[in-house]
Amino acid sequence: MDIVTLHLIALIITAPVILYADHMGFRYFTGRAQTLSGPSVAWTHRLVFIGLFLLIATGIMLTVPSWAVWFAKPAFYVKLGFVITLLINGLFIQKLMTTATRVPYASLSLSDKRMLMTSGALSAIGWVTSVIIGFFFL
């Protein structure tokens, strides 16, 4: 099996978990779920992080053999920026997810709401943009 196939398999396996995480977040933001289940949030976060790690690892394996070609493409830098953003945001989500398991969204301070919404938006935009760039521009 080649690296491209492994990269795509990692994406195909990770994508439903990301959609599930976004679904949980949407239910929380809209008040359909007062709080989120701690174990569900923890497992989902772990699975997404493992998927992101696999995508990064296979992405590196794809890039290294012809690094000069990849680094000559501006779209590669944009994708790299979004992937780094996903990685950093994933570290912040670890802290934020405990808030969503303990406090209803309506009871949060405005700054906590902004932090959660910003993190969710960065995640959604980062994943969608990375996939679009990977499929259509690289």
N, C-alpha and C. Protein backbone atom coordinates (compact mmCIF):
# COMPACT_ATOMS: atom_id res chain seq x y z
N MET A 1 0.85 -1.18 0.00
CA MET A 1 0.00 0.00 0.00
C MET A 1 0.90 1.24 0.00
N ASP A 2 0.58 2.18 -0.86
CA ASP A 2 1.42 3.38 -0.94
C ASP A 2 0.99 4.44 0.08
N ILE A 3 1.82 5.42 0.23
CA ILE A 3 1.60 6.47 1.25
C ILE A 3 0.35 7.29 0.94
N VAL A 4 0.09 7.58 -0.32
CA VAL A 4 -1.11 8.35 -0.67
C VAL A 4 -2.35 7.62 -0.18
N THR A 5 -2.40 6.31 -0.40
CA THR A 5 -3.54 5.52 0.04
C THR A 5 -3.67 5.55 1.55
N LEU A 6 -2.57 5.41 2.27
CA LEU A 6 -2.61 5.49 3.73
C LEU A 6 -3.09 6.85 4.20
N HIS A 7 -2.66 7.90 3.54
CA HIS A 7 -3.07 9.26 3.88
C HIS A 7 -4.59 9.40 3.70
N LEU A 8 -5.09 8.90 2.59
CA LEU A 8 -6.53 8.98 2.33
C LEU A 8 -7.33 8.11 3.30
N ILE A 9 -6.81 6.94 3.64
CA ILE A 9 -7.50 6.07 4.61
C ILE A 9 -7.57 6.78 5.97
N ALA A 10 -6.48 7.42 6.37
CA ALA A 10 -6.48 8.16 7.63
C ALA A 10 -7.55 9.26 7.61
N LEU A 11 -7.68 9.94 6.48
CA LEU A 11 -8.70 10.99 6.36
C LEU A 11 -10.10 10.40 6.40
N ILE A 12 -10.31 9.30 5.69
CA ILE A 12 -11.64 8.67 5.63
C ILE A 12 -12.06 8.16 7.01
N ILE A 13 -11.12 7.67 7.78
CA ILE A 13 -11.43 7.17 9.12
C ILE A 13 -11.65 8.33 10.10
N THR A 14 -10.89 9.40 9.94
CA THR A 14 -10.97 10.53 10.87
C THR A 14 -12.17 11.44 10.59
N ALA A 15 -12.56 11.58 9.35
CA ALA A 15 -13.63 12.51 8.97
C ALA A 15 -14.94 12.29 9.75
N PRO A 16 -15.44 11.05 9.86
CA PRO A 16 -16.69 10.88 10.63
C PRO A 16 -16.56 11.27 12.10
N VAL A 17 -15.38 11.07 12.67
CA VAL A 17 -15.16 11.43 14.07
C VAL A 17 -15.20 12.95 14.21
N ILE A 18 -14.61 13.64 13.25
CA ILE A 18 -14.62 15.11 13.25
C ILE A 18 -16.06 15.61 13.14
N LEU A 19 -16.82 15.00 12.24
CA LEU A 19 -18.23 15.40 12.07
C LEU A 19 -19.03 15.14 13.35
N TYR A 20 -18.75 14.03 14.01
CA TYR A 20 -19.42 13.74 15.28
C TYR A 20 -19.06 14.78 16.34
N ALA A 21 -17.79 15.14 16.41
CA ALA A 21 -17.35 16.17 17.37
C ALA A 21 -18.04 17.50 17.08
N ASP A 22 -18.11 17.87 15.81
CA ASP A 22 -18.79 19.12 15.44
C ASP A 22 -20.28 19.05 15.78
N HIS A 23 -20.88 17.88 15.58
CA HIS A 23 -22.29 17.69 15.92
C HIS A 23 -22.51 17.89 17.42
N MET A 24 -21.63 17.29 18.24
CA MET A 24 -21.74 17.48 19.70
C MET A 24 -21.61 18.96 20.06
N GLY A 25 -20.62 19.63 19.45
CA GLY A 25 -20.42 21.05 19.72
C GLY A 25 -21.63 21.87 19.31
N PHE A 26 -22.21 21.57 18.15
CA PHE A 26 -23.39 22.30 17.68
C PHE A 26 -24.56 22.10 18.64
N ARG A 27 -24.76 20.88 19.12
CA ARG A 27 -25.83 20.62 20.08
C ARG A 27 -25.60 21.41 21.37
N TYR A 28 -24.36 21.52 21.78
CA TYR A 28 -24.02 22.27 22.99
C TYR A 28 -24.27 23.76 22.78
N PHE A 29 -23.80 24.30 21.65
CA PHE A 29 -23.95 25.74 21.37
C PHE A 29 -25.41 26.15 21.22
N THR A 30 -26.23 25.26 20.70
CA THR A 30 -27.65 25.58 20.48
C THR A 30 -28.53 25.26 21.68
N GLY A 31 -27.96 24.68 22.74
CA GLY A 31 -28.72 24.37 23.93
C GLY A 31 -29.47 23.04 23.86
N ARG A 32 -29.29 22.30 22.79
CA ARG A 32 -29.94 20.99 22.69
C ARG A 32 -29.31 19.98 23.65
N ALA A 33 -28.09 20.26 24.05
CA ALA A 33 -27.41 19.46 25.08
C ALA A 33 -26.93 20.45 26.14
N GLN A 34 -27.41 20.30 27.36
CA GLN A 34 -27.00 21.23 28.42
C GLN A 34 -25.50 21.17 28.65
N THR A 35 -24.99 19.95 28.78
CA THR A 35 -23.55 19.72 28.88
C THR A 35 -23.25 18.49 28.03
N LEU A 36 -21.97 18.27 27.79
CA LEU A 36 -21.56 17.12 26.99
C LEU A 36 -21.02 16.03 27.89
N SER A 37 -21.15 14.81 27.42
CA SER A 37 -20.66 13.66 28.16
C SER A 37 -19.13 13.68 28.18
N GLY A 38 -18.57 13.69 29.38
CA GLY A 38 -17.11 13.71 29.52
C GLY A 38 -16.41 12.59 28.78
N PRO A 39 -16.84 11.33 28.98
CA PRO A 39 -16.18 10.23 28.27
C PRO A 39 -16.31 10.33 26.74
N SER A 40 -17.46 10.75 26.26
CA SER A 40 -17.64 10.89 24.80
C SER A 40 -16.73 11.97 24.23
N VAL A 41 -16.66 13.09 24.93
CA VAL A 41 -15.81 14.18 24.47
C VAL A 41 -14.34 13.76 24.52
N ALA A 42 -13.94 13.09 25.58
CA ALA A 42 -12.54 12.66 25.71
C ALA A 42 -12.16 11.67 24.62
N TRP A 43 -13.01 10.67 24.38
CA TRP A 43 -12.71 9.68 23.34
C TRP A 43 -12.69 10.32 21.96
N THR A 44 -13.65 11.18 21.70
CA THR A 44 -13.70 11.85 20.40
C THR A 44 -12.44 12.68 20.19
N HIS A 45 -12.04 13.41 21.21
CA HIS A 45 -10.84 14.24 21.10
C HIS A 45 -9.60 13.37 20.84
N ARG A 46 -9.49 12.27 21.57
CA ARG A 46 -8.34 11.36 21.35
C ARG A 46 -8.32 10.82 19.93
N LEU A 47 -9.48 10.38 19.45
CA LEU A 47 -9.54 9.81 18.09
C LEU A 47 -9.20 10.85 17.03
N VAL A 48 -9.70 12.07 17.19
CA VAL A 48 -9.37 13.13 16.22
C VAL A 48 -7.88 13.43 16.28
N PHE A 49 -7.32 13.49 17.48
CA PHE A 49 -5.89 13.78 17.61
C PHE A 49 -5.04 12.66 16.99
N ILE A 50 -5.46 11.42 17.18
CA ILE A 50 -4.74 10.29 16.55
C ILE A 50 -4.84 10.41 15.03
N GLY A 51 -6.04 10.72 14.54
CA GLY A 51 -6.22 10.91 13.10
C GLY A 51 -5.36 12.03 12.56
N LEU A 52 -5.33 13.15 13.28
CA LEU A 52 -4.49 14.27 12.86
C LEU A 52 -3.03 13.87 12.84
N PHE A 53 -2.59 13.14 13.86
CA PHE A 53 -1.21 12.67 13.91
C PHE A 53 -0.90 11.77 12.71
N LEU A 54 -1.80 10.84 12.39
CA LEU A 54 -1.60 9.95 11.24
C LEU A 54 -1.55 10.73 9.94
N LEU A 55 -2.42 11.73 9.82
CA LEU A 55 -2.41 12.57 8.61
C LEU A 55 -1.11 13.37 8.51
N ILE A 56 -0.63 13.88 9.61
CA ILE A 56 0.63 14.62 9.60
C ILE A 56 1.79 13.68 9.26
N ALA A 57 1.80 12.50 9.88
CA ALA A 57 2.89 11.54 9.63
C ALA A 57 2.91 11.11 8.16
N THR A 58 1.76 10.75 7.63
CA THR A 58 1.73 10.34 6.22
C THR A 58 1.98 11.53 5.30
N GLY A 59 1.55 12.72 5.72
CA GLY A 59 1.82 13.92 4.93
C GLY A 59 3.32 14.20 4.85
N ILE A 60 4.01 13.99 5.96
CA ILE A 60 5.47 14.17 5.97
C ILE A 60 6.12 13.15 5.04
N MET A 61 5.64 11.89 5.12
CA MET A 61 6.20 10.85 4.25
C MET A 61 5.95 11.15 2.77
N LEU A 62 4.83 11.81 2.48
CA LEU A 62 4.55 12.21 1.10
C LEU A 62 5.45 13.36 0.65
N THR A 63 5.77 14.23 1.56
CA THR A 63 6.50 15.46 1.24
C THR A 63 8.01 15.26 1.12
N VAL A 64 8.58 14.48 2.02
CA VAL A 64 10.03 14.37 2.12
C VAL A 64 10.72 13.97 0.81
N PRO A 65 10.23 12.94 0.09
CA PRO A 65 10.96 12.54 -1.12
C PRO A 65 11.08 13.63 -2.19
N SER A 66 10.11 14.53 -2.24
CA SER A 66 10.17 15.60 -3.25
C SER A 66 9.89 16.95 -2.59
N TRP A 67 10.57 17.20 -1.50
CA TRP A 67 10.32 18.40 -0.71
C TRP A 67 10.47 19.69 -1.51
N ALA A 68 11.42 19.74 -2.44
CA ALA A 68 11.63 20.98 -3.20
C ALA A 68 10.41 21.32 -4.05
N VAL A 69 9.76 20.30 -4.58
CA VAL A 69 8.55 20.52 -5.38
C VAL A 69 7.43 21.08 -4.51
N TRP A 70 7.23 20.45 -3.33
CA TRP A 70 6.16 20.89 -2.44
C TRP A 70 6.39 22.30 -1.92
N PHE A 71 7.63 22.59 -1.53
CA PHE A 71 7.91 23.91 -0.96
C PHE A 71 7.92 25.02 -2.00
N ALA A 72 7.81 24.67 -3.27
CA ALA A 72 7.71 25.68 -4.33
C ALA A 72 6.26 26.09 -4.57
N LYS A 73 5.31 25.39 -3.94
CA LYS A 73 3.88 25.66 -4.16
C LYS A 73 3.32 26.51 -3.02
N PRO A 74 2.79 27.68 -3.32
CA PRO A 74 2.19 28.51 -2.26
C PRO A 74 1.05 27.81 -1.52
N ALA A 75 0.28 26.98 -2.23
CA ALA A 75 -0.83 26.27 -1.58
C ALA A 75 -0.32 25.35 -0.48
N PHE A 76 0.88 24.83 -0.63
CA PHE A 76 1.45 23.95 0.39
C PHE A 76 1.65 24.73 1.69
N TYR A 77 2.11 25.97 1.60
CA TYR A 77 2.32 26.80 2.80
C TYR A 77 0.99 27.12 3.48
N VAL A 78 -0.03 27.36 2.66
CA VAL A 78 -1.35 27.64 3.22
C VAL A 78 -1.86 26.41 3.97
N LYS A 79 -1.75 25.24 3.33
CA LYS A 79 -2.20 24.01 3.98
C LYS A 79 -1.39 23.76 5.25
N LEU A 80 -0.09 23.94 5.19
CA LEU A 80 0.76 23.76 6.35
C LEU A 80 0.32 24.67 7.49
N GLY A 81 -0.03 25.90 7.17
CA GLY A 81 -0.52 26.84 8.18
C GLY A 81 -1.80 26.36 8.84
N PHE A 82 -2.72 25.83 8.02
CA PHE A 82 -3.96 25.32 8.59
C PHE A 82 -3.72 24.07 9.44
N VAL A 83 -2.82 23.21 9.01
CA VAL A 83 -2.52 22.00 9.79
C VAL A 83 -1.88 22.37 11.13
N ILE A 84 -0.99 23.33 11.12
CA ILE A 84 -0.37 23.79 12.38
C ILE A 84 -1.44 24.42 13.27
N THR A 85 -2.37 25.16 12.68
CA THR A 85 -3.47 25.75 13.44
C THR A 85 -4.32 24.65 14.08
N LEU A 86 -4.61 23.58 13.31
CA LEU A 86 -5.37 22.46 13.86
C LEU A 86 -4.65 21.82 15.04
N LEU A 87 -3.36 21.68 14.91
CA LEU A 87 -2.56 21.07 15.97
C LEU A 87 -2.59 21.92 17.24
N ILE A 88 -2.35 23.21 17.09
CA ILE A 88 -2.37 24.11 18.25
C ILE A 88 -3.78 24.19 18.85
N ASN A 89 -4.78 24.30 17.99
CA ASN A 89 -6.16 24.36 18.46
C ASN A 89 -6.53 23.08 19.20
N GLY A 90 -6.04 21.94 18.73
CA GLY A 90 -6.30 20.68 19.41
C GLY A 90 -5.79 20.68 20.84
N LEU A 91 -4.68 21.35 21.08
CA LEU A 91 -4.15 21.45 22.44
C LEU A 91 -5.05 22.33 23.31
N PHE A 92 -5.59 23.40 22.71
CA PHE A 92 -6.50 24.27 23.46
C PHE A 92 -7.85 23.59 23.70
N ILE A 93 -8.30 22.80 22.73
CA ILE A 93 -9.58 22.11 22.89
C ILE A 93 -9.53 21.20 24.11
N GLN A 94 -8.39 20.64 24.38
CA GLN A 94 -8.24 19.77 25.56
C GLN A 94 -8.66 20.52 26.82
N LYS A 95 -8.28 21.79 26.94
CA LYS A 95 -8.68 22.59 28.10
C LYS A 95 -10.15 22.98 28.03
N LEU A 96 -10.60 23.36 26.82
CA LEU A 96 -11.96 23.86 26.65
C LEU A 96 -13.02 22.78 26.83
N MET A 97 -12.67 21.54 26.49
CA MET A 97 -13.70 20.49 26.53
C MET A 97 -14.19 20.21 27.95
N THR A 98 -13.38 20.48 28.96
CA THR A 98 -13.87 20.27 30.32
C THR A 98 -14.97 21.28 30.67
N THR A 99 -14.89 22.47 30.10
CA THR A 99 -15.94 23.47 30.31
C THR A 99 -17.27 22.95 29.77
N ALA A 100 -17.25 22.38 28.57
CA ALA A 100 -18.47 21.91 27.93
C ALA A 100 -19.07 20.69 28.63
N THR A 101 -18.28 20.01 29.44
CA THR A 101 -18.80 18.85 30.16
C THR A 101 -19.36 19.23 31.54
N ARG A 102 -19.12 20.46 31.96
CA ARG A 102 -19.52 20.86 33.32
C ARG A 102 -20.53 22.00 33.37
N VAL A 103 -20.45 22.93 32.41
CA VAL A 103 -21.25 24.15 32.49
C VAL A 103 -22.11 24.28 31.22
N PRO A 104 -23.42 24.51 31.39
CA PRO A 104 -24.26 24.75 30.20
C PRO A 104 -23.77 25.99 29.44
N TYR A 105 -23.89 25.93 28.13
CA TYR A 105 -23.41 27.03 27.28
C TYR A 105 -24.06 28.35 27.68
N ALA A 106 -25.34 28.34 27.96
CA ALA A 106 -26.06 29.57 28.32
C ALA A 106 -25.50 30.21 29.59
N SER A 107 -24.88 29.42 30.45
CA SER A 107 -24.35 29.94 31.72
C SER A 107 -22.92 30.45 31.61
N LEU A 108 -22.29 30.28 30.49
CA LEU A 108 -20.89 30.70 30.33
C LEU A 108 -20.77 32.20 30.21
N SER A 109 -19.62 32.71 30.58
CA SER A 109 -19.34 34.14 30.37
C SER A 109 -19.15 34.39 28.88
N LEU A 110 -19.27 35.64 28.49
CA LEU A 110 -19.11 35.99 27.08
C LEU A 110 -17.72 35.60 26.58
N SER A 111 -16.71 35.77 27.39
CA SER A 111 -15.35 35.44 26.95
C SER A 111 -15.19 33.92 26.78
N ASP A 112 -15.81 33.12 27.66
CA ASP A 112 -15.76 31.66 27.50
C ASP A 112 -16.51 31.23 26.24
N LYS A 113 -17.65 31.86 25.98
CA LYS A 113 -18.41 31.55 24.76
C LYS A 113 -17.57 31.88 23.51
N ARG A 114 -16.93 33.04 23.54
CA ARG A 114 -16.09 33.43 22.40
C ARG A 114 -14.95 32.45 22.19
N MET A 115 -14.34 32.02 23.28
CA MET A 115 -13.22 31.08 23.20
C MET A 115 -13.67 29.76 22.58
N LEU A 116 -14.80 29.24 23.05
CA LEU A 116 -15.33 27.98 22.51
C LEU A 116 -15.72 28.12 21.03
N MET A 117 -16.41 29.21 20.71
CA MET A 117 -16.84 29.43 19.32
C MET A 117 -15.63 29.63 18.40
N THR A 118 -14.63 30.35 18.85
CA THR A 118 -13.43 30.57 18.05
C THR A 118 -12.71 29.25 17.81
N SER A 119 -12.58 28.45 18.84
CA SER A 119 -11.93 27.16 18.71
C SER A 119 -12.70 26.26 17.75
N GLY A 120 -14.01 26.23 17.88
CA GLY A 120 -14.84 25.42 16.98
C GLY A 120 -14.73 25.89 15.54
N ALA A 121 -14.74 27.21 15.36
CA ALA A 121 -14.63 27.75 14.00
C ALA A 121 -13.26 27.46 13.39
N LEU A 122 -12.21 27.63 14.18
CA LEU A 122 -10.86 27.31 13.69
C LEU A 122 -10.76 25.85 13.29
N SER A 123 -11.35 24.99 14.08
CA SER A 123 -11.32 23.56 13.78
C SER A 123 -12.05 23.27 12.47
N ALA A 124 -13.28 23.74 12.36
CA ALA A 124 -14.07 23.48 11.15
C ALA A 124 -13.40 24.06 9.90
N ILE A 125 -12.95 25.30 9.99
CA ILE A 125 -12.30 25.94 8.84
C ILE A 125 -10.99 25.25 8.51
N GLY A 126 -10.23 24.88 9.54
CA GLY A 126 -8.95 24.22 9.32
C GLY A 126 -9.09 22.88 8.62
N TRP A 127 -10.04 22.06 9.08
CA TRP A 127 -10.23 20.75 8.46
C TRP A 127 -10.73 20.88 7.03
N VAL A 128 -11.76 21.69 6.83
CA VAL A 128 -12.34 21.82 5.48
C VAL A 128 -11.32 22.40 4.51
N THR A 129 -10.63 23.44 4.91
CA THR A 129 -9.65 24.07 4.02
C THR A 129 -8.48 23.14 3.71
N SER A 130 -8.00 22.41 4.71
CA SER A 130 -6.90 21.48 4.47
C SER A 130 -7.29 20.40 3.46
N VAL A 131 -8.50 19.89 3.59
CA VAL A 131 -8.97 18.85 2.66
C VAL A 131 -9.13 19.44 1.25
N ILE A 132 -9.73 20.61 1.16
CA ILE A 132 -9.93 21.23 -0.16
C ILE A 132 -8.59 21.51 -0.84
N ILE A 133 -7.66 22.07 -0.12
CA ILE A 133 -6.34 22.34 -0.69
C ILE A 133 -5.67 21.04 -1.12
N GLY A 134 -5.75 20.02 -0.28
CA GLY A 134 -5.12 18.74 -0.60
C GLY A 134 -5.71 18.10 -1.85
N PHE A 135 -7.00 18.15 -2.00
CA PHE A 135 -7.64 17.52 -3.16
C PHE A 135 -7.56 18.34 -4.44
N PHE A 136 -7.63 19.65 -4.32
CA PHE A 136 -7.76 20.47 -5.52
C PHE A 136 -6.56 21.32 -5.90
N PHE A 137 -5.65 21.55 -4.97
CA PHE A 137 -4.55 22.45 -5.26
C PHE A 137 -3.17 21.83 -5.14
N LEU A 138 -3.07 20.64 -4.57
CA LEU A 138 -1.75 20.02 -4.41
C LEU A 138 -1.69 18.72 -5.20
